């Protein structure tokens, strides 16, 4: 019985990872055209608004080795679900009308 479940999970692993990669890539790249709007809306300098892109890429680069290590072990499912939860929370933080610092926190969570 457990071998059937393991085969089913193994079959769903690659499509799940591809979906996660597409979601993270889309979320990370959607902010580029909005930098000037972010700077205007939050009344921050353009240099500060560019951090909305940079922080997502930076947190992704830092999180990737850790998530890869955790995902390669026995906690693969929990790692994937926790990562998706963090991305969803980050997405919620970016759409809420909060101060600029919370937007950066949300973007950092989206990159992880």
PDB file of N, CA and C in Angstrom:
ATOM      1  N   UNK A   1       0.819  -1.188   0.000  1.00  0.00           N
ATOM      2  CA  UNK A   1       0.000   0.000   0.000  1.00  0.00           C
ATOM      3  C   UNK A   1       0.864   1.252   0.000  1.00  0.00           C
ATOM      4  N   UNK A   2       1.952   1.232   0.769  1.00  0.00           N
ATOM      5  CA  UNK A   2       2.801   2.416   0.836  1.00  0.00           C
ATOM      6  C   UNK A   2       3.551   2.636  -0.467  1.00  0.00           C
ATOM      7  N   UNK A   3       3.828   1.554  -1.236  1.00  0.00           N
ATOM      8  CA  UNK A   3       4.531   1.734  -2.502  1.00  0.00           C
ATOM      9  C   UNK A   3       3.637   2.445  -3.517  1.00  0.00           C
ATOM     10  N   UNK A   4       2.348   2.194  -3.486  1.00  0.00           N
ATOM     11  CA  UNK A   4       1.422   2.892  -4.380  1.00  0.00           C
ATOM     12  C   UNK A   4       1.394   4.374  -4.053  1.00  0.00           C
ATOM     13  N   UNK A   5       1.389   4.682  -2.773  1.00  0.00           N
ATOM     14  CA  UNK A   5       1.385   6.088  -2.353  1.00  0.00           C
ATOM     15  C   UNK A   5       2.702   6.761  -2.735  1.00  0.00           C
ATOM     16  N   UNK A   6       3.809   6.058  -2.554  1.00  0.00           N
ATOM     17  CA  UNK A   6       5.112   6.619  -2.907  1.00  0.00           C
ATOM     18  C   UNK A   6       5.209   6.871  -4.403  1.00  0.00           C
ATOM     19  N   UNK A   7       4.664   5.960  -5.225  1.00  0.00           N
ATOM     20  CA  UNK A   7       4.677   6.157  -6.677  1.00  0.00           C
ATOM     21  C   UNK A   7       3.827   7.357  -7.068  1.00  0.00           C
ATOM     22  N   UNK A   8       2.692   7.484  -6.423  1.00  0.00           N
ATOM     23  CA  UNK A   8       1.802   8.612  -6.706  1.00  0.00           C
ATOM     24  C   UNK A   8       2.472   9.934  -6.338  1.00  0.00           C
ATOM     25  N   UNK A   9       3.142   9.972  -5.184  1.00  0.00           N
ATOM     26  CA  UNK A   9       3.845  11.190  -4.770  1.00  0.00           C
ATOM     27  C   UNK A   9       5.014  11.481  -5.701  1.00  0.00           C
ATOM     28  N   UNK A  10       5.724  10.449  -6.135  1.00  0.00           N
ATOM     29  CA  UNK A  10       6.856  10.640  -7.031  1.00  0.00           C
ATOM     30  C   UNK A  10       6.380  11.173  -8.387  1.00  0.00           C
ATOM     31  N   UNK A  11       5.230  10.731  -8.846  1.00  0.00           N
ATOM     32  CA  UNK A  11       4.682  11.185 -10.114  1.00  0.00           C
ATOM     33  C   UNK A  11       4.260  12.653 -10.049  1.00  0.00           C
ATOM     34  N   UNK A  12       3.818  13.093  -8.896  1.00  0.00           N
ATOM     35  CA  UNK A  12       3.371  14.473  -8.736  1.00  0.00           C
ATOM     36  C   UNK A  12       4.495  15.436  -8.369  1.00  0.00           C
ATOM     37  N   UNK A  13       5.663  14.928  -8.040  1.00  0.00           N
ATOM     38  CA  UNK A  13       6.759  15.784  -7.591  1.00  0.00           C
ATOM     39  C   UNK A  13       7.228  16.747  -8.680  1.00  0.00           C
ATOM     40  N   UNK A  14       7.511  16.240  -9.860  1.00  0.00           N
ATOM     41  CA  UNK A  14       8.034  17.098 -10.930  1.00  0.00           C
ATOM     42  C   UNK A  14       7.012  18.159 -11.345  1.00  0.00           C
ATOM     43  N   UNK A  15       5.731  17.806 -11.585  1.00  0.00           N
ATOM     44  CA  UNK A  15       4.775  18.867 -11.910  1.00  0.00           C
ATOM     45  C   UNK A  15       4.612  19.888 -10.783  1.00  0.00           C
ATOM     46  N   UNK A  16       4.684  19.439  -9.545  1.00  0.00           N
ATOM     47  CA  UNK A  16       4.576  20.364  -8.414  1.00  0.00           C
ATOM     48  C   UNK A  16       5.755  21.321  -8.385  1.00  0.00           C
ATOM     49  N   UNK A  17       6.951  20.809  -8.579  1.00  0.00           N
ATOM     50  CA  UNK A  17       8.132  21.664  -8.589  1.00  0.00           C
ATOM     51  C   UNK A  17       8.119  22.631  -9.771  1.00  0.00           C
ATOM     52  N   UNK A  18       7.634  22.180 -10.915  1.00  0.00           N
ATOM     53  CA  UNK A  18       7.530  23.076 -12.067  1.00  0.00           C
ATOM     54  C   UNK A  18       6.527  24.186 -11.796  1.00  0.00           C
ATOM     55  N   UNK A  19       5.416  23.857 -11.170  1.00  0.00           N
ATOM     56  CA  UNK A  19       4.412  24.863 -10.829  1.00  0.00           C
ATOM     57  C   UNK A  19       4.978  25.890  -9.853  1.00  0.00           C
ATOM     58  N   UNK A  20       5.684  25.420  -8.846  1.00  0.00           N
ATOM     59  CA  UNK A  20       6.295  26.329  -7.869  1.00  0.00           C
ATOM     60  C   UNK A  20       7.299  27.251  -8.550  1.00  0.00           C
ATOM     61  N   UNK A  21       8.120  26.703  -9.438  1.00  0.00           N
ATOM     62  CA  UNK A  21       9.107  27.519 -10.138  1.00  0.00           C
ATOM     63  C   UNK A  21       8.429  28.575 -11.010  1.00  0.00           C
ATOM     64  N   UNK A  22       7.340  28.213 -11.676  1.00  0.00           N
ATOM     65  CA  UNK A  22       6.620  29.182 -12.500  1.00  0.00           C
ATOM     66  C   UNK A  22       5.979  30.277 -11.657  1.00  0.00           C
ATOM     67  N   UNK A  23       5.407  29.913 -10.522  1.00  0.00           N
ATOM     68  CA  UNK A  23       4.792  30.905  -9.642  1.00  0.00           C
ATOM     69  C   UNK A  23       5.838  31.878  -9.123  1.00  0.00           C
ATOM     70  N   UNK A  24       6.952  31.368  -8.662  1.00  0.00           N
ATOM     71  CA  UNK A  24       8.009  32.236  -8.127  1.00  0.00           C
ATOM     72  C   UNK A  24       8.586  33.122  -9.228  1.00  0.00           C
ATOM     73  N   UNK A  25       8.780  32.579 -10.431  1.00  0.00           N
ATOM     74  CA  UNK A  25       9.309  33.386 -11.537  1.00  0.00           C
ATOM     75  C   UNK A  25       8.326  34.494 -11.920  1.00  0.00           C
ATOM     76  N   UNK A  26       7.051  34.167 -11.966  1.00  0.00           N
ATOM     77  CA  UNK A  26       6.049  35.182 -12.310  1.00  0.00           C
ATOM     78  C   UNK A  26       5.969  36.262 -11.245  1.00  0.00           C
ATOM     79  N   UNK A  27       5.951  35.861 -10.002  1.00  0.00           N
ATOM     80  CA  UNK A  27       5.862  36.827  -8.907  1.00  0.00           C
ATOM     81  C   UNK A  27       7.100  37.719  -8.871  1.00  0.00           C
ATOM     82  N   UNK A  28       8.270  37.154  -9.130  1.00  0.00           N
ATOM     83  CA  UNK A  28       9.507  37.924  -9.079  1.00  0.00           C
ATOM     84  C   UNK A  28       9.609  38.917 -10.224  1.00  0.00           C
ATOM     85  N   UNK A  29       9.048  38.596 -11.385  1.00  0.00           N
ATOM     86  CA  UNK A  29       9.208  39.468 -12.543  1.00  0.00           C
ATOM     87  C   UNK A  29       8.072  40.457 -12.736  1.00  0.00           C
ATOM     88  N   UNK A  30       6.965  40.295 -12.062  1.00  0.00           N
ATOM     89  CA  UNK A  30       5.836  41.194 -12.262  1.00  0.00           C
ATOM     90  C   UNK A  30       6.077  42.598 -11.728  1.00  0.00           C
ATOM     91  N   UNK A  31       7.034  42.771 -10.862  1.00  0.00           N
ATOM     92  CA  UNK A  31       7.258  44.070 -10.258  1.00  0.00           C
ATOM     93  C   UNK A  31       8.041  45.048 -11.108  1.00  0.00           C
ATOM     94  N   UNK A  32       8.732  44.594 -12.147  1.00  0.00           N
ATOM     95  CA  UNK A  32       9.591  45.482 -12.940  1.00  0.00           C
ATOM     96  C   UNK A  32       8.852  46.683 -13.526  1.00  0.00           C
ATOM     97  N   UNK A  33       7.705  46.515 -14.155  1.00  0.00           N
ATOM     98  CA  UNK A  33       7.033  47.687 -14.721  1.00  0.00           C
ATOM     99  C   UNK A  33       6.408  48.606 -13.665  1.00  0.00           C
ATOM    100  N   UNK A  34       6.351  48.159 -12.429  1.00  0.00           N
ATOM    101  CA  UNK A  34       5.662  48.921 -11.396  1.00  0.00           C
ATOM    102  C   UNK A  34       6.581  49.748 -10.504  1.00  0.00           C
ATOM    103  N   UNK A  35       7.865  49.778 -10.796  1.00  0.00           N
ATOM    104  CA  UNK A  35       8.801  50.475  -9.905  1.00  0.00           C
ATOM    105  C   UNK A  35       8.461  51.956  -9.788  1.00  0.00           C
ATOM    106  N   UNK A  36       8.179  52.608 -10.900  1.00  0.00           N
ATOM    107  CA  UNK A  36       7.844  54.034 -10.828  1.00  0.00           C
ATOM    108  C   UNK A  36       6.525  54.265 -10.101  1.00  0.00           C
ATOM    109  N   UNK A  37       5.572  53.364 -10.284  1.00  0.00           N
ATOM    110  CA  UNK A  37       4.296  53.484  -9.565  1.00  0.00           C
ATOM    111  C   UNK A  37       4.491  53.302  -8.064  1.00  0.00           C
ATOM    112  N   UNK A  38       5.346  52.362  -7.691  1.00  0.00           N
ATOM    113  CA  UNK A  38       5.630  52.136  -6.272  1.00  0.00           C
ATOM    114  C   UNK A  38       6.296  53.370  -5.674  1.00  0.00           C
ATOM    115  N   UNK A  39       7.250  53.943  -6.389  1.00  0.00           N
ATOM    116  CA  UNK A  39       7.939  55.133  -5.895  1.00  0.00           C
ATOM    117  C   UNK A  39       6.962  56.289  -5.712  1.00  0.00           C
ATOM    118  N   UNK A  40       6.052  56.456  -6.646  1.00  0.00           N
ATOM    119  CA  UNK A  40       5.068  57.542  -6.553  1.00  0.00           C
ATOM    120  C   UNK A  40       4.058  57.287  -5.456  1.00  0.00           C
ATOM    121  N   UNK A  41       3.543  56.092  -5.374  1.00  0.00           N
ATOM    122  CA  UNK A  41       2.503  55.771  -4.401  1.00  0.00           C
ATOM    123  C   UNK A  41       3.013  55.856  -2.967  1.00  0.00           C
ATOM    124  N   UNK A  42       4.200  55.327  -2.728  1.00  0.00           N
ATOM    125  CA  UNK A  42       4.732  55.299  -1.366  1.00  0.00           C
ATOM    126  C   UNK A  42       5.601  56.518  -1.032  1.00  0.00           C
ATOM    127  N   UNK A  43       5.764  57.419  -1.998  1.00  0.00           N
ATOM    128  CA  UNK A  43       6.559  58.631  -1.795  1.00  0.00           C
ATOM    129  C   UNK A  43       7.981  58.290  -1.340  1.00  0.00           C
ATOM    130  N   UNK A  44       8.595  57.362  -2.075  1.00  0.00           N
ATOM    131  CA  UNK A  44       9.979  56.985  -1.800  1.00  0.00           C
ATOM    132  C   UNK A  44      10.793  57.249  -3.055  1.00  0.00           C
ATOM    133  N   UNK A  45      12.102  57.298  -2.894  1.00  0.00           N
ATOM    134  CA  UNK A  45      12.992  57.509  -4.034  1.00  0.00           C
ATOM    135  C   UNK A  45      12.951  56.293  -4.961  1.00  0.00           C
ATOM    136  N   UNK A  46      13.268  56.527  -6.213  1.00  0.00           N
ATOM    137  CA  UNK A  46      13.285  55.435  -7.191  1.00  0.00           C
ATOM    138  C   UNK A  46      14.282  54.357  -6.793  1.00  0.00           C
ATOM    139  N   UNK A  47      15.408  54.763  -6.205  1.00  0.00           N
ATOM    140  CA  UNK A  47      16.397  53.783  -5.729  1.00  0.00           C
ATOM    141  C   UNK A  47      15.799  52.867  -4.671  1.00  0.00           C
ATOM    142  N   UNK A  48      14.993  53.423  -3.795  1.00  0.00           N
ATOM    143  CA  UNK A  48      14.346  52.609  -2.756  1.00  0.00           C
ATOM    144  C   UNK A  48      13.291  51.699  -3.361  1.00  0.00           C
ATOM    145  N   UNK A  49      12.548  52.205  -4.322  1.00  0.00           N
ATOM    146  CA  UNK A  49      11.495  51.396  -4.959  1.00  0.00           C
ATOM    147  C   UNK A  49      12.094  50.212  -5.717  1.00  0.00           C
ATOM    148  N   UNK A  50      13.317  50.342  -6.210  1.00  0.00           N
ATOM    149  CA  UNK A  50      13.944  49.240  -6.931  1.00  0.00           C
ATOM    150  C   UNK A  50      14.248  48.052  -6.023  1.00  0.00           C
ATOM    151  N   UNK A  51      14.259  48.292  -4.730  1.00  0.00           N
ATOM    152  CA  UNK A  51      14.466  47.187  -3.789  1.00  0.00           C
ATOM    153  C   UNK A  51      13.319  46.186  -3.835  1.00  0.00           C
ATOM    154  N   UNK A  52      12.158  46.586  -4.348  1.00  0.00           N
ATOM    155  CA  UNK A  52      11.048  45.636  -4.450  1.00  0.00           C
ATOM    156  C   UNK A  52      11.397  44.488  -5.386  1.00  0.00           C
ATOM    157  N   UNK A  53      12.255  44.734  -6.367  1.00  0.00           N
ATOM    158  CA  UNK A  53      12.740  43.652  -7.235  1.00  0.00           C
ATOM    159  C   UNK A  53      13.949  42.956  -6.638  1.00  0.00           C
ATOM    160  N   UNK A  54      14.875  43.759  -6.157  1.00  0.00           N
ATOM    161  CA  UNK A  54      16.146  43.214  -5.680  1.00  0.00           C
ATOM    162  C   UNK A  54      15.958  42.304  -4.484  1.00  0.00           C
ATOM    163  N   UNK A  55      15.084  42.677  -3.561  1.00  0.00           N
ATOM    164  CA  UNK A  55      14.938  41.882  -2.336  1.00  0.00           C
ATOM    165  C   UNK A  55      14.325  40.514  -2.624  1.00  0.00           C
ATOM    166  N   UNK A  56      13.450  40.441  -3.617  1.00  0.00           N
ATOM    167  CA  UNK A  56      12.877  39.138  -3.979  1.00  0.00           C
ATOM    168  C   UNK A  56      13.952  38.215  -4.547  1.00  0.00           C
ATOM    169  N   UNK A  57      14.808  38.763  -5.408  1.00  0.00           N
ATOM    170  CA  UNK A  57      15.880  37.949  -5.986  1.00  0.00           C
ATOM    171  C   UNK A  57      16.923  37.572  -4.937  1.00  0.00           C
ATOM    172  N   UNK A  58      17.229  38.512  -4.054  1.00  0.00           N
ATOM    173  CA  UNK A  58      18.213  38.256  -3.003  1.00  0.00           C
ATOM    174  C   UNK A  58      17.725  37.183  -2.030  1.00  0.00           C
ATOM    175  N   UNK A  59      16.488  37.293  -1.599  1.00  0.00           N
ATOM    176  CA  UNK A  59      15.971  36.289  -0.661  1.00  0.00           C
ATOM    177  C   UNK A  59      15.847  34.924  -1.336  1.00  0.00           C
ATOM    178  N   UNK A  60      15.531  34.915  -2.627  1.00  0.00           N
ATOM    179  CA  UNK A  60      15.493  33.646  -3.360  1.00  0.00           C
ATOM    180  C   UNK A  60      16.852  32.997  -3.455  1.00  0.00           C
ATOM    181  N   UNK A  61      17.875  33.820  -3.690  1.00  0.00           N
ATOM    182  CA  UNK A  61      19.241  33.290  -3.776  1.00  0.00           C
ATOM    183  C   UNK A  61      19.718  32.754  -2.436  1.00  0.00           C
ATOM    184  N   UNK A  62      19.299  33.382  -1.354  1.00  0.00           N
ATOM    185  CA  UNK A  62      19.694  32.917  -0.021  1.00  0.00           C
ATOM    186  C   UNK A  62      18.896  31.673   0.379  1.00  0.00           C
ATOM    187  N   UNK A  63      17.608  31.656   0.043  1.00  0.00           N
ATOM    188  CA  UNK A  63      16.749  30.550   0.473  1.00  0.00           C
ATOM    189  C   UNK A  63      16.956  29.268  -0.336  1.00  0.00           C
ATOM    190  N   UNK A  64      17.394  29.385  -1.564  1.00  0.00           N
ATOM    191  CA  UNK A  64      17.498  28.216  -2.438  1.00  0.00           C
ATOM    192  C   UNK A  64      18.362  27.092  -1.865  1.00  0.00           C
ATOM    193  N   UNK A  65      19.574  27.339  -1.360  1.00  0.00           N
ATOM    194  CA  UNK A  65      20.350  26.224  -0.815  1.00  0.00           C
ATOM    195  C   UNK A  65      19.691  25.571   0.408  1.00  0.00           C
ATOM    196  N   UNK A  66      19.091  26.394   1.247  1.00  0.00           N
ATOM    197  CA  UNK A  66      18.432  25.838   2.435  1.00  0.00           C
ATOM    198  C   UNK A  66      17.224  24.994   2.049  1.00  0.00           C
ATOM    199  N   UNK A  67      16.406  25.514   1.157  1.00  0.00           N
ATOM    200  CA  UNK A  67      15.221  24.768   0.733  1.00  0.00           C
ATOM    201  C   UNK A  67      15.602  23.519  -0.045  1.00  0.00           C
ATOM    202  N   UNK A  68      16.681  23.606  -0.823  1.00  0.00           N
ATOM    203  CA  UNK A  68      17.152  22.427  -1.539  1.00  0.00           C
ATOM    204  C   UNK A  68      17.613  21.336  -0.595  1.00  0.00           C
ATOM    205  N   UNK A  69      18.303  21.742   0.445  1.00  0.00           N
ATOM    206  CA  UNK A  69      18.776  20.765   1.439  1.00  0.00           C
ATOM    207  C   UNK A  69      17.606  20.137   2.185  1.00  0.00           C
ATOM    208  N   UNK A  70      16.656  20.970   2.606  1.00  0.00           N
ATOM    209  CA  UNK A  70      15.483  20.443   3.313  1.00  0.00           C
ATOM    210  C   UNK A  70      14.621  19.572   2.402  1.00  0.00           C
ATOM    211  N   UNK A  71      14.481  19.996   1.141  1.00  0.00           N
ATOM    212  CA  UNK A  71      13.653  19.248   0.204  1.00  0.00           C
ATOM    213  C   UNK A  71      14.260  17.928  -0.222  1.00  0.00           C
ATOM    214  N   UNK A  72      15.569  17.784  -0.087  1.00  0.00           N
ATOM    215  CA  UNK A  72      16.220  16.534  -0.464  1.00  0.00           C
ATOM    216  C   UNK A  72      16.114  15.484   0.628  1.00  0.00           C
ATOM    217  N   UNK A  73      15.738  15.890   1.807  1.00  0.00           N
ATOM    218  CA  UNK A  73      15.641  14.963   2.930  1.00  0.00           C
ATOM    219  C   UNK A  73      14.243  14.388   3.067  1.00  0.00           C
ATOM    220  N   UNK A  74      13.960  13.872   4.235  1.00  0.00           N
ATOM    221  CA  UNK A  74      12.667  13.231   4.458  1.00  0.00           C
ATOM    222  C   UNK A  74      11.509  14.222   4.600  1.00  0.00           C
ATOM    223  N   UNK A  75      11.804  15.519   4.632  1.00  0.00           N
ATOM    224  CA  UNK A  75      10.753  16.523   4.851  1.00  0.00           C
ATOM    225  C   UNK A  75      10.390  17.250   3.559  1.00  0.00           C
ATOM    226  N   UNK A  76      10.401  16.534   2.447  1.00  0.00           N
ATOM    227  CA  UNK A  76      10.152  17.132   1.143  1.00  0.00           C
ATOM    228  C   UNK A  76       8.773  17.780   1.067  1.00  0.00           C
ATOM    229  N   UNK A  77       7.763  17.052   1.457  1.00  0.00           N
ATOM    230  CA  UNK A  77       6.386  17.563   1.364  1.00  0.00           C
ATOM    231  C   UNK A  77       6.193  18.774   2.262  1.00  0.00           C
ATOM    232  N   UNK A  78       6.686  18.694   3.481  1.00  0.00           N
ATOM    233  CA  UNK A  78       6.546  19.822   4.407  1.00  0.00           C
ATOM    234  C   UNK A  78       7.302  21.051   3.892  1.00  0.00           C
ATOM    235  N   UNK A  79       8.457  20.843   3.286  1.00  0.00           N
ATOM    236  CA  UNK A  79       9.233  21.949   2.742  1.00  0.00           C
ATOM    237  C   UNK A  79       8.482  22.638   1.608  1.00  0.00           C
ATOM    238  N   UNK A  80       7.910  21.860   0.715  1.00  0.00           N
ATOM    239  CA  UNK A  80       7.165  22.425  -0.406  1.00  0.00           C
ATOM    240  C   UNK A  80       5.949  23.192   0.096  1.00  0.00           C
ATOM    241  N   UNK A  81       5.202  22.598   1.007  1.00  0.00           N
ATOM    242  CA  UNK A  81       4.005  23.267   1.531  1.00  0.00           C
ATOM    243  C   UNK A  81       4.355  24.524   2.316  1.00  0.00           C
ATOM    244  N   UNK A  82       5.407  24.471   3.104  1.00  0.00           N
ATOM    245  CA  UNK A  82       5.815  25.653   3.875  1.00  0.00           C
ATOM    246  C   UNK A  82       6.287  26.766   2.945  1.00  0.00           C
ATOM    247  N   UNK A  83       7.015  26.412   1.900  1.00  0.00           N
ATOM    248  CA  UNK A  83       7.475  27.417   0.943  1.00  0.00           C
ATOM    249  C   UNK A  83       6.296  28.062   0.221  1.00  0.00           C
ATOM    250  N   UNK A  84       5.337  27.266  -0.180  1.00  0.00           N
ATOM    251  CA  UNK A  84       4.143  27.832  -0.814  1.00  0.00           C
ATOM    252  C   UNK A  84       3.380  28.734   0.147  1.00  0.00           C
ATOM    253  N   UNK A  85       3.302  28.338   1.399  1.00  0.00           N
ATOM    254  CA  UNK A  85       2.614  29.170   2.392  1.00  0.00           C
ATOM    255  C   UNK A  85       3.311  30.512   2.573  1.00  0.00           C
ATOM    256  N   UNK A  86       4.642  30.495   2.610  1.00  0.00           N
ATOM    257  CA  UNK A  86       5.397  31.744   2.754  1.00  0.00           C
ATOM    258  C   UNK A  86       5.175  32.642   1.538  1.00  0.00           C
ATOM    259  N   UNK A  87       5.149  32.073   0.341  1.00  0.00           N
ATOM    260  CA  UNK A  87       4.912  32.859  -0.869  1.00  0.00           C
ATOM    261  C   UNK A  87       3.502  33.453  -0.861  1.00  0.00           C
ATOM    262  N   UNK A  88       2.522  32.682  -0.414  1.00  0.00           N
ATOM    263  CA  UNK A  88       1.142  33.188  -0.351  1.00  0.00           C
ATOM    264  C   UNK A  88       1.037  34.317   0.670  1.00  0.00           C
ATOM    265  N   UNK A  89       1.655  34.157   1.833  1.00  0.00           N
ATOM    266  CA  UNK A  89       1.646  35.227   2.841  1.00  0.00           C
ATOM    267  C   UNK A  89       2.352  36.466   2.292  1.00  0.00           C
ATOM    268  N   UNK A  90       3.460  36.282   1.610  1.00  0.00           N
ATOM    269  CA  UNK A  90       4.154  37.413   0.992  1.00  0.00           C
ATOM    270  C   UNK A  90       3.297  38.106  -0.046  1.00  0.00           C
ATOM    271  N   UNK A  91       2.554  37.333  -0.823  1.00  0.00           N
ATOM    272  CA  UNK A  91       1.657  37.922  -1.810  1.00  0.00           C
ATOM    273  C   UNK A  91       0.554  38.725  -1.137  1.00  0.00           C
ATOM    274  N   UNK A  92       0.043  38.213  -0.034  1.00  0.00           N
ATOM    275  CA  UNK A  92      -0.992  38.949   0.708  1.00  0.00           C
ATOM    276  C   UNK A  92      -0.431  40.261   1.266  1.00  0.00           C
ATOM    277  N   UNK A  93       0.793  40.231   1.755  1.00  0.00           N
ATOM    278  CA  UNK A  93       1.394  41.452   2.290  1.00  0.00           C
ATOM    279  C   UNK A  93       1.607  42.506   1.212  1.00  0.00           C
ATOM    280  N   UNK A  94       1.872  42.079  -0.001  1.00  0.00           N
ATOM    281  CA  UNK A  94       2.128  43.052  -1.066  1.00  0.00           C
ATOM    282  C   UNK A  94       0.853  43.706  -1.579  1.00  0.00           C
ATOM    283  N   UNK A  95      -0.287  43.081  -1.425  1.00  0.00           N
ATOM    284  CA  UNK A  95      -1.526  43.682  -1.933  1.00  0.00           C
ATOM    285  C   UNK A  95      -2.274  44.471  -0.869  1.00  0.00           C
ATOM    286  N   UNK A  96      -1.919  44.299   0.379  1.00  0.00           N
ATOM    287  CA  UNK A  96      -2.577  45.059   1.441  1.00  0.00           C
ATOM    288  C   UNK A  96      -2.048  46.488   1.479  1.00  0.00           C
ATOM    289  N   UNK A  97      -2.876  47.448   1.840  1.00  0.00           N
ATOM    290  CA  UNK A  97      -2.420  48.846   1.896  1.00  0.00           C
ATOM    291  C   UNK A  97      -1.606  49.131   3.159  1.00  0.00           C
ATOM    292  N   UNK A  98      -0.407  48.600   3.189  1.00  0.00           N
ATOM    293  CA  UNK A  98       0.494  48.755   4.330  1.00  0.00           C
ATOM    294  C   UNK A  98       1.648  49.673   3.935  1.00  0.00           C
ATOM    295  N   UNK A  99       2.451  50.115   4.902  1.00  0.00           N
ATOM    296  CA  UNK A  99       3.615  50.956   4.567  1.00  0.00           C
ATOM    297  C   UNK A  99       4.628  50.227   3.667  1.00  0.00           C
ATOM    298  N   UNK A 100       5.548  51.015   3.130  1.00  0.00           N
ATOM    299  CA  UNK A 100       6.542  50.508   2.180  1.00  0.00           C
ATOM    300  C   UNK A 100       7.388  49.374   2.762  1.00  0.00           C
ATOM    301  N   UNK A 101       7.708  49.450   4.046  1.00  0.00           N
ATOM    302  CA  UNK A 101       8.528  48.404   4.667  1.00  0.00           C
ATOM    303  C   UNK A 101       7.827  47.047   4.589  1.00  0.00           C
ATOM    304  N   UNK A 102       6.517  47.026   4.762  1.00  0.00           N
ATOM    305  CA  UNK A 102       5.766  45.768   4.677  1.00  0.00           C
ATOM    306  C   UNK A 102       5.723  45.242   3.246  1.00  0.00           C
ATOM    307  N   UNK A 103       5.725  46.162   2.291  1.00  0.00           N
ATOM    308  CA  UNK A 103       5.812  45.736   0.887  1.00  0.00           C
ATOM    309  C   UNK A 103       7.129  45.011   0.647  1.00  0.00           C
ATOM    310  N   UNK A 104       8.205  45.540   1.201  1.00  0.00           N
ATOM    311  CA  UNK A 104       9.509  44.883   1.060  1.00  0.00           C
ATOM    312  C   UNK A 104       9.527  43.529   1.749  1.00  0.00           C
ATOM    313  N   UNK A 105       8.914  43.438   2.917  1.00  0.00           N
ATOM    314  CA  UNK A 105       8.840  42.149   3.628  1.00  0.00           C
ATOM    315  C   UNK A 105       8.069  41.140   2.789  1.00  0.00           C
ATOM    316  N   UNK A 106       6.957  41.580   2.214  1.00  0.00           N
ATOM    317  CA  UNK A 106       6.168  40.703   1.354  1.00  0.00           C
ATOM    318  C   UNK A 106       6.929  40.250   0.134  1.00  0.00           C
ATOM    319  N   UNK A 107       7.656  41.173  -0.489  1.00  0.00           N
ATOM    320  CA  UNK A 107       8.449  40.812  -1.664  1.00  0.00           C
ATOM    321  C   UNK A 107       9.576  39.841  -1.288  1.00  0.00           C
ATOM    322  N   UNK A 108      10.162  40.033  -0.112  1.00  0.00           N
ATOM    323  CA  UNK A 108      11.204  39.099   0.345  1.00  0.00           C
ATOM    324  C   UNK A 108      10.615  37.705   0.545  1.00  0.00           C
ATOM    325  N   UNK A 109       9.419  37.648   1.116  1.00  0.00           N
ATOM    326  CA  UNK A 109       8.762  36.352   1.309  1.00  0.00           C
ATOM    327  C   UNK A 109       8.408  35.705  -0.015  1.00  0.00           C
ATOM    328  N   UNK A 110       8.069  36.503  -1.001  1.00  0.00           N
ATOM    329  CA  UNK A 110       7.755  35.951  -2.325  1.00  0.00           C
ATOM    330  C   UNK A 110       9.002  35.361  -2.981  1.00  0.00           C
ATOM    331  N   UNK A 111      10.145  35.918  -2.701  1.00  0.00           N
ATOM    332  CA  UNK A 111      11.374  35.396  -3.303  1.00  0.00           C
ATOM    333  C   UNK A 111      11.831  34.102  -2.665  1.00  0.00           C
ATOM    334  N   UNK A 112      11.417  33.878  -1.434  1.00  0.00           N
ATOM    335  CA  UNK A 112      11.850  32.662  -0.714  1.00  0.00           C
ATOM    336  C   UNK A 112      11.052  31.508  -1.133  1.00  0.00           C
TER     337      UNK A 112
END
